[in-house]
N, C-alpha and C. Protein backbone atom coordinates (compact mmCIF):
# COMPACT_ATOMS: atom_id res chain seq x y z
N MET A 1 0.84 -1.17 0.00
CA MET A 1 0.00 0.00 0.00
C MET A 1 0.89 1.23 0.00
N GLY A 2 0.57 2.20 -0.83
CA GLY A 2 1.38 3.40 -0.94
C GLY A 2 0.92 4.51 -0.03
N ARG A 3 1.51 5.67 -0.23
CA ARG A 3 1.18 6.85 0.56
C ARG A 3 1.04 8.03 -0.40
N ALA A 4 0.29 9.03 0.03
CA ALA A 4 0.13 10.26 -0.75
C ALA A 4 0.85 11.39 -0.03
N ASN A 5 1.34 12.34 -0.78
CA ASN A 5 1.98 13.52 -0.21
C ASN A 5 0.90 14.48 0.30
N LEU A 6 1.17 15.10 1.44
CA LEU A 6 0.25 16.08 2.00
C LEU A 6 1.04 17.35 2.32
N HIS A 7 0.61 18.46 1.75
CA HIS A 7 1.17 19.77 2.06
C HIS A 7 0.12 20.58 2.79
N ILE A 8 0.51 21.20 3.90
CA ILE A 8 -0.40 22.01 4.70
C ILE A 8 0.07 23.46 4.67
N PHE A 9 -0.86 24.35 4.37
CA PHE A 9 -0.59 25.79 4.33
C PHE A 9 -1.33 26.42 5.50
N ASP A 10 -0.58 26.73 6.58
CA ASP A 10 -1.17 27.25 7.82
C ASP A 10 -1.57 28.71 7.71
N GLU A 11 -2.41 29.11 8.67
CA GLU A 11 -2.83 30.50 8.80
C GLU A 11 -3.36 31.06 7.49
N TRP A 12 -4.17 30.28 6.82
CA TRP A 12 -4.75 30.71 5.56
C TRP A 12 -6.25 30.51 5.63
N CYS A 13 -6.98 31.44 5.11
CA CYS A 13 -8.43 31.32 5.04
C CYS A 13 -8.90 32.01 3.77
N GLY A 14 -9.62 31.29 2.95
CA GLY A 14 -10.11 31.85 1.70
C GLY A 14 -11.49 31.31 1.40
N SER A 15 -12.08 31.82 0.37
CA SER A 15 -13.44 31.41 0.03
C SER A 15 -13.49 30.39 -1.10
N SER A 16 -12.33 30.01 -1.65
CA SER A 16 -12.32 29.07 -2.76
C SER A 16 -10.95 28.42 -2.89
N VAL A 17 -10.90 27.33 -3.66
CA VAL A 17 -9.62 26.69 -3.95
C VAL A 17 -8.76 27.65 -4.77
N ASP A 18 -9.39 28.45 -5.61
CA ASP A 18 -8.63 29.41 -6.41
C ASP A 18 -7.89 30.40 -5.52
N SER A 19 -8.48 30.78 -4.40
CA SER A 19 -7.78 31.70 -3.50
C SER A 19 -6.59 31.01 -2.83
N LEU A 20 -6.66 29.69 -2.62
CA LEU A 20 -5.50 28.94 -2.12
C LEU A 20 -4.36 29.01 -3.13
N ARG A 21 -4.69 28.87 -4.41
CA ARG A 21 -3.66 28.94 -5.46
C ARG A 21 -2.95 30.30 -5.47
N LYS A 22 -3.61 31.34 -5.00
CA LYS A 22 -3.01 32.68 -4.98
C LYS A 22 -2.19 32.94 -3.72
N ASN A 23 -2.20 31.99 -2.78
CA ASN A 23 -1.41 32.12 -1.56
C ASN A 23 0.07 32.18 -1.93
N VAL A 24 0.81 33.07 -1.32
CA VAL A 24 2.22 33.28 -1.65
C VAL A 24 3.05 32.00 -1.44
N HIS A 25 2.62 31.12 -0.55
CA HIS A 25 3.36 29.89 -0.27
C HIS A 25 2.99 28.73 -1.20
N PHE A 26 1.87 28.84 -1.89
CA PHE A 26 1.37 27.74 -2.72
C PHE A 26 2.03 27.73 -4.09
N PRO A 27 2.43 26.60 -4.64
CA PRO A 27 2.41 25.25 -4.06
C PRO A 27 3.76 24.81 -3.50
N LEU A 28 4.80 25.62 -3.67
CA LEU A 28 6.16 25.15 -3.38
C LEU A 28 6.63 25.28 -1.94
N HIS A 29 5.97 26.10 -1.13
CA HIS A 29 6.48 26.37 0.21
C HIS A 29 5.42 26.15 1.29
N PRO A 30 4.95 24.91 1.44
CA PRO A 30 3.97 24.65 2.50
C PRO A 30 4.62 24.76 3.88
N HIS A 31 3.81 24.98 4.88
CA HIS A 31 4.32 25.05 6.25
C HIS A 31 4.66 23.65 6.78
N VAL A 32 3.95 22.64 6.28
CA VAL A 32 4.18 21.25 6.69
C VAL A 32 4.17 20.37 5.45
N ARG A 33 5.14 19.45 5.39
CA ARG A 33 5.20 18.41 4.35
C ARG A 33 5.19 17.07 5.05
N THR A 34 4.26 16.21 4.67
CA THR A 34 4.18 14.88 5.27
C THR A 34 3.54 13.93 4.26
N THR A 35 3.26 12.72 4.67
CA THR A 35 2.55 11.77 3.82
C THR A 35 1.39 11.18 4.61
N VAL A 36 0.39 10.68 3.87
CA VAL A 36 -0.78 10.05 4.48
C VAL A 36 -1.04 8.73 3.77
N PRO A 37 -1.64 7.75 4.47
CA PRO A 37 -1.86 6.43 3.87
C PRO A 37 -3.02 6.37 2.89
N LYS A 38 -3.87 7.40 2.86
CA LYS A 38 -5.00 7.41 1.93
C LYS A 38 -5.37 8.85 1.61
N LEU A 39 -6.22 9.03 0.61
CA LEU A 39 -6.60 10.37 0.18
C LEU A 39 -7.72 10.97 1.03
N ALA A 40 -8.18 10.25 2.02
CA ALA A 40 -9.27 10.73 2.89
C ALA A 40 -8.69 11.33 4.17
N LEU A 41 -9.15 12.51 4.51
CA LEU A 41 -8.69 13.19 5.72
C LEU A 41 -9.89 13.70 6.51
N ALA A 42 -9.72 13.85 7.81
CA ALA A 42 -10.73 14.45 8.67
C ALA A 42 -10.03 15.53 9.51
N PRO A 43 -9.80 16.70 8.93
CA PRO A 43 -9.05 17.76 9.62
C PRO A 43 -9.72 18.20 10.92
N GLN A 44 -8.88 18.56 11.89
CA GLN A 44 -9.37 18.99 13.19
C GLN A 44 -8.99 20.44 13.49
N GLN A 45 -8.45 21.14 12.55
CA GLN A 45 -8.02 22.52 12.79
C GLN A 45 -8.74 23.47 11.85
N ASN A 46 -8.52 24.76 12.03
CA ASN A 46 -9.14 25.79 11.20
C ASN A 46 -8.07 26.64 10.53
N GLN A 47 -8.46 27.36 9.53
CA GLN A 47 -7.63 28.32 8.82
C GLN A 47 -6.36 27.71 8.22
N TYR A 48 -6.56 26.83 7.28
CA TYR A 48 -5.45 26.25 6.55
C TYR A 48 -5.95 25.70 5.22
N GLY A 49 -5.03 25.48 4.31
CA GLY A 49 -5.33 24.86 3.03
C GLY A 49 -4.49 23.61 2.88
N LEU A 50 -4.95 22.68 2.07
CA LEU A 50 -4.25 21.41 1.86
C LEU A 50 -4.00 21.16 0.39
N ARG A 51 -2.95 20.42 0.12
CA ARG A 51 -2.67 19.91 -1.22
C ARG A 51 -2.26 18.45 -1.04
N ILE A 52 -3.04 17.53 -1.57
CA ILE A 52 -2.76 16.10 -1.46
C ILE A 52 -2.48 15.61 -2.88
N PHE A 53 -1.35 14.93 -3.06
CA PHE A 53 -1.01 14.52 -4.42
C PHE A 53 -0.13 13.28 -4.42
N GLY A 54 -0.10 12.60 -5.55
CA GLY A 54 0.72 11.41 -5.69
C GLY A 54 0.31 10.63 -6.93
N TYR A 55 0.73 9.37 -6.98
CA TYR A 55 0.42 8.49 -8.10
C TYR A 55 -0.49 7.37 -7.64
N LEU A 56 -1.41 6.97 -8.52
CA LEU A 56 -2.23 5.79 -8.30
C LEU A 56 -1.63 4.65 -9.11
N HIS A 57 -1.62 3.46 -8.52
CA HIS A 57 -1.12 2.26 -9.20
C HIS A 57 -2.22 1.19 -9.12
N PRO A 58 -3.16 1.17 -10.05
CA PRO A 58 -4.26 0.20 -9.98
C PRO A 58 -3.76 -1.24 -10.09
N PRO A 59 -4.28 -2.14 -9.26
CA PRO A 59 -3.83 -3.53 -9.28
C PRO A 59 -4.41 -4.35 -10.43
N ALA A 60 -5.53 -3.89 -11.02
CA ALA A 60 -6.18 -4.66 -12.08
C ALA A 60 -6.88 -3.72 -13.05
N ASP A 61 -7.06 -4.18 -14.29
CA ASP A 61 -7.85 -3.42 -15.26
C ASP A 61 -9.27 -3.30 -14.73
N GLY A 62 -9.89 -2.16 -14.97
CA GLY A 62 -11.29 -2.04 -14.58
C GLY A 62 -11.74 -0.61 -14.43
N GLU A 63 -13.02 -0.48 -14.16
CA GLU A 63 -13.60 0.82 -13.92
C GLU A 63 -13.52 1.12 -12.43
N TYR A 64 -12.91 2.22 -12.09
CA TYR A 64 -12.76 2.65 -10.71
C TYR A 64 -13.65 3.87 -10.49
N ILE A 65 -14.27 3.94 -9.33
CA ILE A 65 -15.12 5.07 -8.99
C ILE A 65 -14.34 6.00 -8.07
N PHE A 66 -14.22 7.24 -8.48
CA PHE A 66 -13.57 8.27 -7.67
C PHE A 66 -14.66 9.15 -7.08
N ALA A 67 -14.53 9.48 -5.82
CA ALA A 67 -15.53 10.31 -5.15
C ALA A 67 -14.84 11.43 -4.39
N LEU A 68 -15.54 12.53 -4.27
CA LEU A 68 -15.03 13.68 -3.53
C LEU A 68 -16.15 14.17 -2.62
N ASP A 69 -15.91 14.15 -1.32
CA ASP A 69 -16.85 14.67 -0.32
C ASP A 69 -16.15 15.80 0.41
N SER A 70 -16.86 16.88 0.62
CA SER A 70 -16.24 18.02 1.28
C SER A 70 -17.30 18.91 1.91
N ALA A 71 -16.98 19.48 3.05
CA ALA A 71 -17.87 20.45 3.69
C ALA A 71 -17.58 21.85 3.17
N LYS A 72 -16.53 22.00 2.41
CA LYS A 72 -16.16 23.30 1.85
C LYS A 72 -15.84 23.11 0.37
N ASN A 73 -15.06 24.00 -0.20
CA ASN A 73 -14.66 23.91 -1.60
C ASN A 73 -13.52 22.91 -1.76
N SER A 74 -13.63 22.01 -2.72
CA SER A 74 -12.56 21.04 -2.98
C SER A 74 -12.56 20.67 -4.45
N GLU A 75 -11.39 20.23 -4.94
CA GLU A 75 -11.24 19.79 -6.32
C GLU A 75 -10.46 18.49 -6.36
N LEU A 76 -10.78 17.62 -7.31
CA LEU A 76 -10.03 16.39 -7.54
C LEU A 76 -9.58 16.40 -9.00
N TRP A 77 -8.28 16.34 -9.19
CA TRP A 77 -7.67 16.34 -10.52
C TRP A 77 -7.07 14.97 -10.77
N LEU A 78 -7.16 14.48 -12.01
CA LEU A 78 -6.63 13.16 -12.36
C LEU A 78 -6.06 13.22 -13.77
N SER A 79 -4.91 12.59 -13.97
CA SER A 79 -4.32 12.54 -15.31
C SER A 79 -4.61 11.19 -15.94
N SER A 80 -4.38 11.10 -17.23
CA SER A 80 -4.53 9.83 -17.94
C SER A 80 -3.20 9.09 -18.01
N ASP A 81 -2.16 9.69 -17.44
CA ASP A 81 -0.83 9.08 -17.41
C ASP A 81 -0.10 9.58 -16.17
N GLU A 82 1.20 9.35 -16.10
CA GLU A 82 1.94 9.73 -14.90
C GLU A 82 2.42 11.18 -14.89
N SER A 83 2.17 11.94 -15.93
CA SER A 83 2.64 13.32 -15.99
C SER A 83 1.71 14.28 -15.24
N PRO A 84 2.25 15.03 -14.27
CA PRO A 84 1.44 16.05 -13.59
C PRO A 84 0.96 17.15 -14.54
N LEU A 85 1.61 17.29 -15.68
CA LEU A 85 1.20 18.31 -16.65
C LEU A 85 -0.12 17.96 -17.32
N ASN A 86 -0.54 16.70 -17.21
CA ASN A 86 -1.75 16.24 -17.89
C ASN A 86 -2.96 16.08 -16.97
N VAL A 87 -2.88 16.63 -15.75
CA VAL A 87 -4.04 16.50 -14.86
C VAL A 87 -5.21 17.31 -15.40
N VAL A 88 -6.41 16.77 -15.20
CA VAL A 88 -7.64 17.40 -15.65
C VAL A 88 -8.59 17.45 -14.45
N LEU A 89 -9.27 18.55 -14.28
CA LEU A 89 -10.25 18.66 -13.21
C LEU A 89 -11.39 17.69 -13.49
N ARG A 90 -11.58 16.71 -12.61
CA ARG A 90 -12.60 15.67 -12.82
C ARG A 90 -13.77 15.78 -11.86
N ALA A 91 -13.57 16.39 -10.69
CA ALA A 91 -14.66 16.52 -9.73
C ALA A 91 -14.40 17.73 -8.85
N TRP A 92 -15.48 18.38 -8.44
CA TRP A 92 -15.34 19.52 -7.55
C TRP A 92 -16.64 19.69 -6.77
N VAL A 93 -16.51 20.27 -5.60
CA VAL A 93 -17.66 20.68 -4.80
C VAL A 93 -17.37 22.09 -4.33
N GLY A 94 -18.40 22.89 -4.16
CA GLY A 94 -18.15 24.28 -3.84
C GLY A 94 -19.21 24.93 -2.98
N LYS A 95 -19.98 24.16 -2.26
CA LYS A 95 -20.99 24.74 -1.38
C LYS A 95 -20.38 24.93 0.00
N VAL A 96 -20.08 26.15 0.33
CA VAL A 96 -19.43 26.46 1.60
C VAL A 96 -20.34 26.06 2.77
N CYS A 97 -19.75 25.35 3.73
CA CYS A 97 -20.40 24.94 4.98
C CYS A 97 -21.52 23.92 4.82
N LEU A 98 -21.67 23.32 3.66
CA LEU A 98 -22.62 22.23 3.47
C LEU A 98 -21.86 21.03 2.94
N LEU A 99 -22.15 19.85 3.47
CA LEU A 99 -21.48 18.66 2.97
C LEU A 99 -21.96 18.39 1.55
N SER A 100 -21.04 18.37 0.61
CA SER A 100 -21.35 18.11 -0.78
C SER A 100 -20.50 16.95 -1.26
N SER A 101 -20.98 16.25 -2.27
CA SER A 101 -20.18 15.16 -2.82
C SER A 101 -20.47 14.99 -4.30
N THR A 102 -19.53 14.37 -4.97
CA THR A 102 -19.68 14.05 -6.38
C THR A 102 -18.80 12.84 -6.66
N GLN A 103 -19.09 12.13 -7.72
CA GLN A 103 -18.27 10.98 -8.08
C GLN A 103 -18.27 10.80 -9.59
N PHE A 104 -17.26 10.06 -10.08
CA PHE A 104 -17.18 9.78 -11.51
C PHE A 104 -16.42 8.47 -11.70
N PRO A 105 -16.74 7.74 -12.78
CA PRO A 105 -16.01 6.50 -13.08
C PRO A 105 -14.83 6.80 -14.02
N ALA A 106 -13.81 5.97 -13.94
CA ALA A 106 -12.68 6.06 -14.87
C ALA A 106 -12.15 4.65 -15.11
N PHE A 107 -12.00 4.26 -16.38
CA PHE A 107 -11.42 2.96 -16.70
C PHE A 107 -9.90 3.10 -16.67
N ILE A 108 -9.26 2.22 -15.92
CA ILE A 108 -7.81 2.28 -15.75
C ILE A 108 -7.22 0.89 -15.97
N HIS A 109 -6.07 0.85 -16.62
CA HIS A 109 -5.38 -0.41 -16.86
C HIS A 109 -4.42 -0.72 -15.72
N ALA A 110 -4.28 -2.00 -15.42
CA ALA A 110 -3.35 -2.44 -14.37
C ALA A 110 -1.95 -1.95 -14.69
N GLY A 111 -1.25 -1.49 -13.68
CA GLY A 111 0.12 -1.03 -13.86
C GLY A 111 0.25 0.38 -14.41
N GLN A 112 -0.85 0.96 -14.85
CA GLN A 112 -0.83 2.32 -15.37
C GLN A 112 -0.68 3.29 -14.20
N ARG A 113 0.31 4.17 -14.26
CA ARG A 113 0.49 5.17 -13.20
C ARG A 113 -0.28 6.43 -13.56
N LEU A 114 -1.10 6.90 -12.63
CA LEU A 114 -1.88 8.11 -12.84
C LEU A 114 -1.52 9.13 -11.78
N THR A 115 -1.42 10.38 -12.17
CA THR A 115 -1.18 11.45 -11.22
C THR A 115 -2.52 11.91 -10.65
N THR A 116 -2.56 12.08 -9.32
CA THR A 116 -3.76 12.61 -8.68
C THR A 116 -3.39 13.85 -7.88
N LEU A 117 -4.33 14.76 -7.78
CA LEU A 117 -4.15 15.99 -7.01
C LEU A 117 -5.50 16.33 -6.40
N VAL A 118 -5.54 16.50 -5.09
CA VAL A 118 -6.76 16.91 -4.40
C VAL A 118 -6.46 18.23 -3.71
N LEU A 119 -7.34 19.20 -3.91
CA LEU A 119 -7.17 20.52 -3.29
C LEU A 119 -8.39 20.83 -2.43
N PRO A 120 -8.36 20.44 -1.15
CA PRO A 120 -9.46 20.83 -0.27
C PRO A 120 -9.20 22.22 0.30
N ASP A 121 -10.23 22.98 0.48
CA ASP A 121 -10.15 24.33 1.03
C ASP A 121 -10.75 24.29 2.43
N TRP A 122 -9.95 24.47 3.45
CA TRP A 122 -10.44 24.45 4.83
C TRP A 122 -10.22 25.81 5.45
N CYS A 123 -11.25 26.34 6.06
CA CYS A 123 -11.13 27.65 6.68
C CYS A 123 -11.87 27.65 8.00
């Protein structure tokens, strides 16, 4: 089982993921760099932004369901290959303070490396 990279941008509060992108520290200078065992998080703090990213390595050919649940603004980006330059916005939620979710299917071949990027906005 792999791990995903997690970047935390402290003391930040914005109204959208786009405002996180405009943060002077984003994306190269997070306050915290760590890894997590899965793409699901349950944050316990306020006023920060997150960037979760890494590669997916599917064990078998098939259709995989990707889902995004968030109480704030969040985006899920996925590439068709291992290049971060090819990520495409595949799911997003944007209802502030309401739990929102969305999902989509993607057919993936075994051994194919895909780049993933999740941008949750926590304030």
